[in-house]
Amino acid sequence: TAIRVPTPNVSLIDFTFTSRKLTSVNKINKMMIEASKSKNLKNILTINNLPLVSIDFNHNSSSSNFDLTQTQVINKRFCRILSWYDNEWGFSNRMIDTLLNLKKIL
């Protein structure tokens, strides 16, 4: 579910899923932290563990700001994660990334 929040351009992804493997809040959060450090997701996926609200993500250049404080797991399989993003600013930054990559190959 994508939720439009009361700011000009910040939204929230509320994603629920059933894991095939037994999991925990710590396992999910650790996996997301590791992913954020990977070469492919650096500056695209960032991690937040502060009690922030929607306006705090305005003009954030990341496409996804994974909120560690909101990860939930019920019965070791049913999971809920949240990620914030600035619709326009994050998208614009990805377009700049695309342009810079095109410049390398053209």
N, C-alpha and C. Protein backbone atom coordinates (compact mmCIF):
# COMPACT_ATOMS: atom_id res chain seq x y z
N THR A 1 0.84 -1.18 0.00
CA THR A 1 0.00 0.00 0.00
C THR A 1 0.88 1.24 0.00
N ALA A 2 0.62 2.16 -0.88
CA ALA A 2 1.31 3.45 -0.85
C ALA A 2 0.36 4.46 -0.22
N ILE A 3 0.84 5.16 0.77
CA ILE A 3 0.01 6.10 1.51
C ILE A 3 0.52 7.51 1.28
N ARG A 4 -0.35 8.36 0.78
CA ARG A 4 0.00 9.77 0.62
C ARG A 4 -0.20 10.43 1.97
N VAL A 5 0.81 11.08 2.47
CA VAL A 5 0.74 11.70 3.78
C VAL A 5 0.59 13.21 3.62
N PRO A 6 0.21 13.91 4.67
CA PRO A 6 -0.11 15.34 4.52
C PRO A 6 1.11 16.26 4.39
N THR A 7 1.92 16.00 3.38
CA THR A 7 3.00 16.89 3.00
C THR A 7 2.92 17.02 1.49
N PRO A 8 3.53 18.02 0.92
CA PRO A 8 3.41 18.23 -0.52
C PRO A 8 3.88 17.06 -1.38
N ASN A 9 4.88 16.31 -0.93
CA ASN A 9 5.43 15.30 -1.84
C ASN A 9 6.07 14.10 -1.17
N VAL A 10 5.74 13.79 0.05
CA VAL A 10 6.29 12.62 0.73
C VAL A 10 5.22 11.55 0.84
N SER A 11 5.63 10.31 0.58
CA SER A 11 4.70 9.18 0.69
C SER A 11 5.33 8.08 1.52
N LEU A 12 4.53 7.09 1.81
CA LEU A 12 4.96 5.98 2.65
C LEU A 12 4.50 4.67 2.02
N ILE A 13 5.40 3.71 1.96
CA ILE A 13 5.03 2.37 1.52
C ILE A 13 4.82 1.53 2.77
N ASP A 14 3.66 0.92 2.87
CA ASP A 14 3.32 0.00 3.96
C ASP A 14 3.19 -1.37 3.31
N PHE A 15 4.18 -2.21 3.52
CA PHE A 15 4.26 -3.50 2.82
C PHE A 15 4.12 -4.64 3.83
N THR A 16 3.14 -5.50 3.61
CA THR A 16 2.97 -6.68 4.45
C THR A 16 3.18 -7.92 3.60
N PHE A 17 3.76 -8.93 4.20
CA PHE A 17 4.02 -10.18 3.48
C PHE A 17 4.15 -11.34 4.46
N THR A 18 3.97 -12.52 3.93
CA THR A 18 4.17 -13.73 4.70
C THR A 18 5.49 -14.35 4.26
N SER A 19 6.41 -14.49 5.18
CA SER A 19 7.72 -15.04 4.89
C SER A 19 7.66 -16.56 4.80
N ARG A 20 8.38 -17.12 3.83
CA ARG A 20 8.46 -18.58 3.71
C ARG A 20 9.29 -19.17 4.86
N LYS A 21 10.26 -18.39 5.33
CA LYS A 21 11.14 -18.84 6.42
C LYS A 21 10.75 -18.14 7.71
N LEU A 22 11.05 -18.78 8.82
CA LEU A 22 10.85 -18.12 10.10
C LEU A 22 11.78 -16.92 10.16
N THR A 23 11.26 -15.81 10.66
CA THR A 23 12.07 -14.59 10.68
C THR A 23 11.78 -13.79 11.95
N SER A 24 12.45 -12.66 12.05
CA SER A 24 12.29 -11.79 13.21
C SER A 24 12.50 -10.35 12.75
N VAL A 25 12.15 -9.42 13.61
CA VAL A 25 12.38 -8.00 13.33
C VAL A 25 13.87 -7.77 13.10
N ASN A 26 14.71 -8.34 13.95
CA ASN A 26 16.16 -8.15 13.83
C ASN A 26 16.70 -8.69 12.51
N LYS A 27 16.22 -9.84 12.07
CA LYS A 27 16.69 -10.42 10.80
C LYS A 27 16.31 -9.53 9.62
N ILE A 28 15.09 -9.06 9.60
CA ILE A 28 14.64 -8.19 8.50
C ILE A 28 15.43 -6.90 8.50
N ASN A 29 15.55 -6.27 9.66
CA ASN A 29 16.27 -5.00 9.73
C ASN A 29 17.74 -5.17 9.34
N LYS A 30 18.37 -6.24 9.78
CA LYS A 30 19.76 -6.49 9.43
C LYS A 30 19.91 -6.67 7.91
N MET A 31 18.99 -7.40 7.30
CA MET A 31 19.03 -7.61 5.86
C MET A 31 18.91 -6.28 5.11
N MET A 32 18.03 -5.41 5.57
CA MET A 32 17.84 -4.12 4.91
C MET A 32 19.06 -3.21 5.11
N ILE A 33 19.66 -3.25 6.28
CA ILE A 33 20.87 -2.47 6.53
C ILE A 33 21.98 -2.92 5.59
N GLU A 34 22.16 -4.24 5.46
CA GLU A 34 23.18 -4.77 4.56
C GLU A 34 22.89 -4.38 3.12
N ALA A 35 21.63 -4.46 2.71
CA ALA A 35 21.26 -4.08 1.34
C ALA A 35 21.56 -2.61 1.08
N SER A 36 21.32 -1.76 2.06
CA SER A 36 21.56 -0.33 1.88
C SER A 36 23.04 -0.01 1.67
N LYS A 37 23.91 -0.90 2.12
CA LYS A 37 25.35 -0.70 1.98
C LYS A 37 25.90 -1.31 0.69
N SER A 38 25.07 -2.03 -0.03
CA SER A 38 25.53 -2.68 -1.26
C SER A 38 25.81 -1.65 -2.34
N LYS A 39 26.66 -2.01 -3.27
CA LYS A 39 27.03 -1.10 -4.36
C LYS A 39 25.81 -0.67 -5.17
N ASN A 40 24.91 -1.59 -5.45
CA ASN A 40 23.75 -1.29 -6.29
C ASN A 40 22.71 -0.40 -5.62
N LEU A 41 22.66 -0.42 -4.30
CA LEU A 41 21.61 0.36 -3.62
C LEU A 41 22.14 1.54 -2.81
N LYS A 42 23.44 1.77 -2.85
CA LYS A 42 24.01 2.88 -2.10
C LYS A 42 23.37 4.19 -2.57
N ASN A 43 22.90 4.97 -1.62
CA ASN A 43 22.22 6.26 -1.84
C ASN A 43 20.81 6.12 -2.43
N ILE A 44 20.40 4.91 -2.76
CA ILE A 44 19.04 4.68 -3.25
C ILE A 44 18.16 4.21 -2.09
N LEU A 45 18.69 3.28 -1.33
CA LEU A 45 18.03 2.76 -0.13
C LEU A 45 18.81 3.26 1.08
N THR A 46 18.13 4.00 1.93
CA THR A 46 18.77 4.44 3.17
C THR A 46 17.99 3.89 4.36
N ILE A 47 18.62 3.95 5.50
CA ILE A 47 18.06 3.38 6.72
C ILE A 47 17.76 4.50 7.71
N ASN A 48 16.62 4.41 8.33
CA ASN A 48 16.23 5.37 9.36
C ASN A 48 15.89 4.60 10.64
N ASN A 49 16.44 5.04 11.77
CA ASN A 49 16.01 4.44 13.03
C ASN A 49 15.65 5.51 14.06
N LEU A 50 15.32 6.68 13.56
CA LEU A 50 14.89 7.79 14.42
C LEU A 50 13.37 7.93 14.34
N PRO A 51 12.76 8.50 15.36
CA PRO A 51 11.29 8.69 15.35
C PRO A 51 10.88 9.88 14.49
N LEU A 52 11.07 9.76 13.18
CA LEU A 52 10.77 10.86 12.25
C LEU A 52 9.34 10.77 11.75
N VAL A 53 8.88 11.87 11.17
CA VAL A 53 7.55 11.94 10.56
C VAL A 53 7.70 12.34 9.10
N SER A 54 6.63 12.34 8.37
CA SER A 54 6.66 12.53 6.92
C SER A 54 7.45 13.75 6.47
N ILE A 55 7.24 14.88 7.07
CA ILE A 55 7.90 16.11 6.62
C ILE A 55 9.42 16.02 6.72
N ASP A 56 9.92 15.15 7.61
CA ASP A 56 11.36 14.98 7.77
C ASP A 56 12.02 14.37 6.53
N PHE A 57 11.23 13.77 5.64
CA PHE A 57 11.78 13.14 4.44
C PHE A 57 11.64 14.02 3.19
N ASN A 58 11.12 15.23 3.38
CA ASN A 58 11.00 16.15 2.26
C ASN A 58 12.40 16.50 1.75
N HIS A 59 12.59 16.43 0.44
CA HIS A 59 13.87 16.66 -0.24
C HIS A 59 14.94 15.65 0.12
N ASN A 60 14.52 14.46 0.50
CA ASN A 60 15.47 13.36 0.72
C ASN A 60 15.71 12.71 -0.64
N SER A 61 16.96 12.55 -1.03
CA SER A 61 17.29 12.08 -2.37
C SER A 61 17.17 10.57 -2.55
N SER A 62 16.97 9.83 -1.49
CA SER A 62 16.84 8.38 -1.60
C SER A 62 15.48 7.99 -2.17
N SER A 63 15.45 6.87 -2.85
CA SER A 63 14.17 6.36 -3.37
C SER A 63 13.41 5.61 -2.29
N SER A 64 14.11 5.17 -1.26
CA SER A 64 13.47 4.44 -0.18
C SER A 64 14.23 4.68 1.11
N ASN A 65 13.53 5.13 2.14
CA ASN A 65 14.09 5.34 3.46
C ASN A 65 13.44 4.33 4.39
N PHE A 66 14.08 3.18 4.52
CA PHE A 66 13.52 2.07 5.29
C PHE A 66 13.50 2.45 6.77
N ASP A 67 12.33 2.33 7.38
CA ASP A 67 12.13 2.74 8.76
C ASP A 67 12.27 1.54 9.71
N LEU A 68 13.46 1.40 10.31
CA LEU A 68 13.73 0.29 11.23
C LEU A 68 12.78 0.29 12.42
N THR A 69 12.30 1.46 12.80
CA THR A 69 11.46 1.55 14.00
C THR A 69 10.06 0.97 13.80
N GLN A 70 9.70 0.70 12.54
CA GLN A 70 8.34 0.26 12.26
C GLN A 70 8.23 -1.20 11.82
N THR A 71 9.33 -1.91 11.76
CA THR A 71 9.29 -3.31 11.34
C THR A 71 8.55 -4.14 12.39
N GLN A 72 7.63 -4.97 11.91
CA GLN A 72 6.86 -5.83 12.81
C GLN A 72 6.82 -7.25 12.25
N VAL A 73 6.85 -8.24 13.15
CA VAL A 73 6.72 -9.64 12.76
C VAL A 73 5.77 -10.30 13.75
N ILE A 74 4.77 -10.99 13.22
CA ILE A 74 3.80 -11.72 14.04
C ILE A 74 3.93 -13.20 13.73
N ASN A 75 4.02 -14.01 14.77
CA ASN A 75 4.14 -15.47 14.63
C ASN A 75 5.29 -15.89 13.71
N LYS A 76 6.35 -15.13 13.72
CA LYS A 76 7.59 -15.44 12.99
C LYS A 76 7.45 -15.55 11.47
N ARG A 77 6.29 -15.16 10.92
CA ARG A 77 6.11 -15.25 9.46
C ARG A 77 5.39 -14.04 8.85
N PHE A 78 4.42 -13.49 9.55
CA PHE A 78 3.67 -12.38 8.99
C PHE A 78 4.41 -11.08 9.31
N CYS A 79 4.84 -10.37 8.25
CA CYS A 79 5.74 -9.23 8.41
C CYS A 79 5.12 -7.95 7.86
N ARG A 80 5.52 -6.85 8.47
CA ARG A 80 5.10 -5.53 8.00
C ARG A 80 6.30 -4.61 8.06
N ILE A 81 6.58 -3.93 6.95
CA ILE A 81 7.68 -2.98 6.89
C ILE A 81 7.18 -1.66 6.30
N LEU A 82 7.84 -0.59 6.66
CA LEU A 82 7.48 0.74 6.16
C LEU A 82 8.71 1.43 5.58
N SER A 83 8.49 2.18 4.51
CA SER A 83 9.57 2.94 3.91
C SER A 83 9.02 4.27 3.39
N TRP A 84 9.72 5.34 3.71
CA TRP A 84 9.34 6.69 3.30
C TRP A 84 10.06 7.08 2.02
N TYR A 85 9.45 7.97 1.25
CA TYR A 85 10.13 8.51 0.07
C TYR A 85 9.50 9.83 -0.34
N ASP A 86 10.34 10.67 -0.91
CA ASP A 86 9.89 11.94 -1.48
C ASP A 86 9.65 11.68 -2.96
N ASN A 87 8.40 11.70 -3.36
CA ASN A 87 8.02 11.34 -4.73
C ASN A 87 8.86 12.04 -5.78
N GLU A 88 8.89 13.34 -5.75
CA GLU A 88 9.54 14.10 -6.81
C GLU A 88 11.06 14.14 -6.66
N TRP A 89 11.54 14.38 -5.47
CA TRP A 89 12.98 14.54 -5.26
C TRP A 89 13.73 13.23 -5.48
N GLY A 90 13.23 12.15 -4.92
CA GLY A 90 13.85 10.85 -5.11
C GLY A 90 13.86 10.45 -6.57
N PHE A 91 12.72 10.61 -7.25
CA PHE A 91 12.63 10.28 -8.67
C PHE A 91 13.60 11.13 -9.50
N SER A 92 13.65 12.42 -9.22
CA SER A 92 14.55 13.32 -9.96
C SER A 92 16.01 12.88 -9.79
N ASN A 93 16.36 12.46 -8.60
CA ASN A 93 17.73 11.99 -8.37
C ASN A 93 18.02 10.70 -9.12
N ARG A 94 17.03 9.82 -9.26
CA ARG A 94 17.25 8.60 -10.03
C ARG A 94 17.40 8.93 -11.52
N MET A 95 16.70 9.96 -11.99
CA MET A 95 16.85 10.37 -13.39
C MET A 95 18.25 10.94 -13.63
N ILE A 96 18.78 11.66 -12.67
CA ILE A 96 20.16 12.15 -12.78
C ILE A 96 21.13 10.97 -12.82
N ASP A 97 20.91 9.97 -11.96
CA ASP A 97 21.74 8.76 -11.98
C ASP A 97 21.69 8.09 -13.35
N THR A 98 20.49 8.02 -13.92
CA THR A 98 20.31 7.39 -15.23
C THR A 98 21.08 8.18 -16.29
N LEU A 99 20.96 9.49 -16.27
CA LEU A 99 21.67 10.34 -17.22
C LEU A 99 23.18 10.15 -17.10
N LEU A 100 23.70 10.10 -15.89
CA LEU A 100 25.15 9.92 -15.69
C LEU A 100 25.60 8.55 -16.20
N ASN A 101 24.78 7.52 -16.02
CA ASN A 101 25.13 6.19 -16.53
C ASN A 101 25.06 6.15 -18.05
N LEU A 102 24.08 6.82 -18.63
CA LEU A 102 23.99 6.89 -20.10
C LEU A 102 25.21 7.61 -20.68
N LYS A 103 25.63 8.65 -20.00
CA LYS A 103 26.79 9.42 -20.45
C LYS A 103 28.03 8.52 -20.54
N LYS A 104 28.14 7.57 -19.63
CA LYS A 104 29.30 6.66 -19.62
C LYS A 104 29.31 5.72 -20.83
N ILE A 105 28.12 5.34 -21.30
CA ILE A 105 28.06 4.34 -22.38
C ILE A 105 27.86 4.94 -23.76
N LEU A 106 27.54 6.21 -23.82
CA LEU A 106 27.32 6.84 -25.15
C LEU A 106 28.54 7.56 -25.64
